Each structure stands twice: as C-alpha cells, then as structure tokens.
C-alpha cells in the first residue's frame, strides 16, 4: 500500500521519500512502482520520459532521520498499534 501512495504522489509532481525497515522492503516497493509505471508506458498512457520523471521524484531511506526535512508524512505501517508506535518512536499507551 505504501508504494501505491508514493507512486500517486510522485505522479502528481510531489517529491517522495519512502522509508522502511530494510532495503529489501524498499526494493519490493520500488519494483512494484516500476512495474506499474511500465504497464502504463506499454499501454501508452505514459511516455518513457514521464515514467523517468516520476521515478526520479522517489527517494528511499531506512532511517527515520532521513524524514527530518519532509513537509508531510503518510504512515502506511501494518495495522498493529505496538508496531506503529515502535516504528515512530512512540509509547503505545499514549496513542490509545
């Protein structure tokens, strides 16, 4: 789901930083975006140049500190309150 959100934002012209716990998960998300955009190129809904511009707007990170200068964060973590709070450095008792 997070990669879909990133793709829509990047396609709308927004610079995106996808953040995940490992490079492997980031690669999966980026591969899904690449595959989706390539389908649009193949169906002539998008040019190769447009695809390149979209993917150029997407950065990746495994460290939350890399998000310190972003304007907006969309959390797309599993629906597990403890996991979400852990990922965001929050106490789950405060978030209930």
Protein backbone atom coordinates (compact mmCIF):
# COMPACT_ATOMS: atom_id res chain seq x y z
CA UNK A 1 0.00 0.00 0.00
CA UNK A 2 2.79 2.44 0.82
CA UNK A 3 4.32 2.09 -2.61
CA UNK A 4 0.97 2.90 -4.23
CA UNK A 5 0.68 6.05 -2.15
CA UNK A 6 4.24 7.02 -3.09
CA UNK A 7 3.52 6.39 -6.77
CA UNK A 8 0.38 8.52 -6.81
CA UNK A 9 2.16 11.39 -5.04
CA UNK A 10 5.19 11.22 -7.34
CA UNK A 11 2.94 11.08 -10.38
CA UNK A 12 1.25 14.25 -9.12
CA UNK A 13 4.63 16.00 -9.06
CA UNK A 14 5.46 15.61 -5.36
CA UNK A 15 8.92 14.57 -4.21
CA UNK A 16 8.58 11.41 -2.13
CA UNK A 17 10.80 9.58 0.34
CA UNK A 18 9.75 6.02 1.03
CA UNK A 19 11.04 4.81 4.40
CA UNK A 20 11.06 1.18 5.53
CA UNK A 21 12.87 -1.04 7.99
CA UNK A 22 15.08 -2.69 5.36
CA UNK A 23 16.47 -2.17 1.89
CA UNK A 24 14.71 -5.40 0.86
CA UNK A 25 11.26 -3.97 1.63
CA UNK A 26 12.15 -0.71 -0.10
CA UNK A 27 13.31 -2.62 -3.18
CA UNK A 28 10.00 -4.51 -3.29
CA UNK A 29 8.08 -1.23 -3.17
CA UNK A 30 10.24 0.41 -5.80
CA UNK A 31 9.96 -2.67 -8.03
CA UNK A 32 6.16 -2.56 -7.72
CA UNK A 33 6.17 1.11 -8.76
CA UNK A 34 8.48 0.38 -11.69
CA UNK A 35 6.24 -2.47 -12.86
CA UNK A 36 3.09 -0.39 -12.57
CA UNK A 37 4.53 2.58 -14.42
CA UNK A 38 5.92 0.30 -17.14
CA UNK A 39 2.41 -1.10 -17.69
CA UNK A 40 1.23 2.47 -18.26
CA UNK A 41 4.05 3.05 -20.74
CA UNK A 42 3.20 -0.19 -22.53
CA UNK A 43 -0.44 0.89 -22.78
CA UNK A 44 0.66 4.34 -23.99
CA UNK A 45 -0.90 6.10 -21.00
CA UNK A 46 2.53 7.42 -20.07
CA UNK A 47 5.70 8.15 -22.02
CA UNK A 48 9.10 6.75 -21.06
CA UNK A 49 10.23 10.28 -20.24
CA UNK A 50 7.24 10.81 -17.92
CA UNK A 51 7.99 7.50 -16.21
CA UNK A 52 11.59 8.58 -15.68
CA UNK A 53 10.47 11.92 -14.23
CA UNK A 54 8.10 10.16 -11.83
CA UNK A 55 10.69 7.67 -10.60
CA UNK A 56 13.23 10.49 -10.19
CA UNK A 57 10.89 12.05 -7.61
CA UNK A 58 11.04 8.93 -5.41
CA UNK A 59 13.85 8.50 -2.88
CA UNK A 60 14.23 5.74 -0.32
CA UNK A 61 15.51 5.56 3.24
CA UNK A 62 15.79 3.11 6.11
CA UNK A 63 16.44 5.74 8.78
CA UNK A 64 13.65 7.93 10.16
CA UNK A 65 16.17 10.77 10.50
CA UNK A 66 16.05 10.99 6.69
CA UNK A 67 12.49 12.28 7.09
CA UNK A 68 13.51 15.26 9.23
CA UNK A 69 13.14 17.75 6.37
CA UNK A 70 9.94 16.48 4.77
CA UNK A 71 6.75 18.53 4.79
CA UNK A 72 4.28 15.70 5.16
CA UNK A 73 4.40 12.05 6.33
CA UNK A 74 1.94 9.31 5.43
CA UNK A 75 2.20 6.33 7.74
CA UNK A 76 1.44 3.06 5.94
CA UNK A 77 2.66 0.55 8.53
CA UNK A 78 0.87 -2.68 9.38
CA UNK A 79 -2.32 -2.30 11.40
CA UNK A 80 -0.61 -3.14 14.67
CA UNK A 81 -0.58 -0.29 17.19
CA UNK A 82 2.54 -1.51 19.01
CA UNK A 83 4.44 -1.89 15.70
CA UNK A 84 3.32 1.53 14.51
CA UNK A 85 4.33 3.20 17.75
CA UNK A 86 7.64 1.36 17.79
CA UNK A 87 8.39 2.48 14.23
CA UNK A 88 7.56 6.07 15.11
CA UNK A 89 9.30 6.00 18.50
CA UNK A 90 6.09 6.48 20.47
CA UNK A 91 4.72 4.87 23.61
CA UNK A 92 1.66 2.78 22.58
CA UNK A 93 -0.12 3.74 25.82
CA UNK A 94 -0.06 7.41 24.71
CA UNK A 95 -1.60 6.59 21.32
CA UNK A 96 -4.74 4.80 22.50
